[in-house]
Amino acid sequence: MLDISSWTTQSMMRLKLVSTMWYGEQKLTTECIENVIMMMPFSAVVMWSFEEMIGNRWKKILWQSGKIAFIFSVSIEMLQLLLRLGTFQRSDIFYNTVGGVLGGLMYCAVVKARKRL
């Protein structure tokens, strides 16, 4: 005899597994927040190091910080994939890029505050 509740539970678990495989985990975890926080000081320091080359326009700073964070993040993920250390996750690339842009925004705020003093 077929137990409908058991069959339904198993089907839902399979559906959730397929959904997770195709669309990724759709939860905001501490790992996501850690990725954002990790890239903020990195991109702010990079912007500070190359401030003569980048200039002081906020749009250019945000674009450059996002671009640098994206390239750095893709490099990390590709090394994880090639060296088989960790897992390749597109969400890491996204959250690291967001953290890089926020780091550029933080840099802009510090530069403007420093000019006012």
Protein backbone atom coordinates (compact mmCIF):
# COMPACT_ATOMS: atom_id res chain seq x y z
CA MET A 1 0.00 0.00 0.00
CA LEU A 2 1.28 3.45 -0.93
CA ASP A 3 1.61 5.97 1.88
CA ILE A 4 0.61 9.34 0.40
CA SER A 5 2.17 11.50 3.15
CA SER A 6 5.55 9.77 2.82
CA TRP A 7 5.44 10.10 -0.97
CA THR A 8 4.52 13.80 -0.74
CA THR A 9 7.33 14.51 1.73
CA GLN A 10 9.88 12.76 -0.49
CA SER A 11 8.63 14.63 -3.56
CA MET A 12 8.90 17.97 -1.77
CA MET A 13 12.44 17.15 -0.64
CA ARG A 14 13.44 16.27 -4.22
CA LEU A 15 11.84 19.46 -5.50
CA LYS A 16 13.72 21.51 -2.92
CA LEU A 17 16.99 19.80 -3.85
CA VAL A 18 16.47 20.49 -7.56
CA SER A 19 15.48 24.09 -6.79
CA THR A 20 18.61 24.56 -4.69
CA MET A 21 20.81 23.05 -7.41
CA TRP A 22 19.40 25.26 -10.18
CA TYR A 23 18.70 28.52 -8.40
CA GLY A 24 21.10 28.35 -5.48
CA GLU A 25 20.33 28.77 -1.84
CA GLN A 26 17.97 31.70 -1.49
CA LYS A 27 18.63 32.51 2.15
CA LEU A 28 20.64 35.35 3.62
CA THR A 29 23.20 33.54 5.74
CA THR A 30 26.06 34.78 7.86
CA GLU A 31 28.41 33.68 5.07
CA CYS A 32 26.83 36.25 2.76
CA ILE A 33 27.24 39.00 5.33
CA GLU A 34 30.83 37.92 5.99
CA ASN A 35 31.62 38.16 2.26
CA VAL A 36 30.28 41.72 2.14
CA ILE A 37 32.17 42.74 5.28
CA MET A 38 35.40 41.09 4.05
CA MET A 39 35.54 43.09 0.82
CA MET A 40 34.65 46.50 2.25
CA PRO A 41 38.04 47.30 3.80
CA PHE A 42 39.87 45.61 0.91
CA SER A 43 38.33 47.85 -1.73
CA ALA A 44 38.63 50.96 0.48
CA VAL A 45 42.37 50.31 0.92
CA VAL A 46 42.80 49.68 -2.82
CA MET A 47 40.99 52.95 -3.60
CA TRP A 48 43.17 54.79 -1.09
CA SER A 49 46.32 53.25 -2.59
CA PHE A 50 45.45 54.32 -6.13
CA GLU A 51 43.66 57.59 -5.41
CA GLU A 52 45.79 59.60 -7.87
CA MET A 53 44.96 57.24 -10.72
CA ILE A 54 41.26 56.94 -9.94
CA GLY A 55 40.43 60.52 -9.12
CA ASN A 56 37.81 61.85 -6.75
CA ARG A 57 34.53 61.51 -8.67
CA TRP A 58 32.21 59.24 -6.70
CA LYS A 59 30.77 57.44 -9.75
CA LYS A 60 34.22 56.49 -10.98
CA ILE A 61 35.27 55.39 -7.50
CA LEU A 62 32.20 53.15 -7.14
CA TRP A 63 32.68 51.70 -10.63
CA GLN A 64 36.38 50.99 -10.07
CA SER A 65 35.88 49.51 -6.59
CA GLY A 66 33.12 47.22 -7.89
CA LYS A 67 35.22 46.18 -10.86
CA ILE A 68 38.27 45.42 -8.72
CA ALA A 69 36.19 43.48 -6.18
CA PHE A 70 34.54 41.49 -9.00
CA ILE A 71 37.85 40.57 -10.64
CA PHE A 72 39.43 39.66 -7.31
CA SER A 73 36.41 37.57 -6.32
CA VAL A 74 36.30 35.70 -9.64
CA SER A 75 40.02 35.00 -9.23
CA ILE A 76 39.44 33.53 -5.77
CA GLU A 77 36.55 31.38 -6.99
CA MET A 78 38.49 30.12 -10.01
CA LEU A 79 41.43 29.17 -7.80
CA GLN A 80 39.05 27.29 -5.51
CA LEU A 81 37.66 25.47 -8.53
CA LEU A 82 41.02 24.64 -10.10
CA LEU A 83 42.81 23.66 -6.87
CA ARG A 84 39.74 21.85 -5.52
CA LEU A 85 39.85 23.83 -2.29
CA GLY A 86 36.38 24.90 -1.28
CA THR A 87 33.45 25.34 -3.62
CA PHE A 88 32.76 27.67 -6.53
CA GLN A 89 29.73 29.79 -5.65
CA ARG A 90 28.27 32.55 -7.77
CA SER A 91 26.73 34.06 -4.66
CA ASP A 92 30.22 34.66 -3.25
CA ILE A 93 31.10 36.65 -6.36
CA PHE A 94 27.92 38.71 -6.03
CA TYR A 95 28.29 39.46 -2.31
CA ASN A 96 32.00 40.21 -2.63
CA THR A 97 31.21 42.69 -5.42
CA VAL A 98 28.53 44.32 -3.26
CA GLY A 99 31.06 44.57 -0.44
CA GLY A 100 33.56 46.14 -2.84
CA VAL A 101 31.08 48.80 -3.94
CA LEU A 102 30.19 49.52 -0.29
CA GLY A 103 33.91 49.81 0.46
CA GLY A 104 34.20 52.35 -2.35
CA LEU A 105 31.25 54.22 -0.86
CA MET A 106 32.95 54.14 2.53
CA TYR A 107 36.11 55.53 0.91
CA CYS A 108 34.08 58.34 -0.72
CA ALA A 109 32.57 59.26 2.65
CA VAL A 110 35.96 59.36 4.35
CA VAL A 111 37.47 61.51 1.57
CA LYS A 112 34.59 64.00 1.73
CA ALA A 113 34.78 64.16 5.53
CA ARG A 114 38.55 64.69 5.37
CA LYS A 115 38.13 67.57 2.90
CA ARG A 116 35.71 69.33 5.24
CA LEU A 117 38.14 69.26 8.16
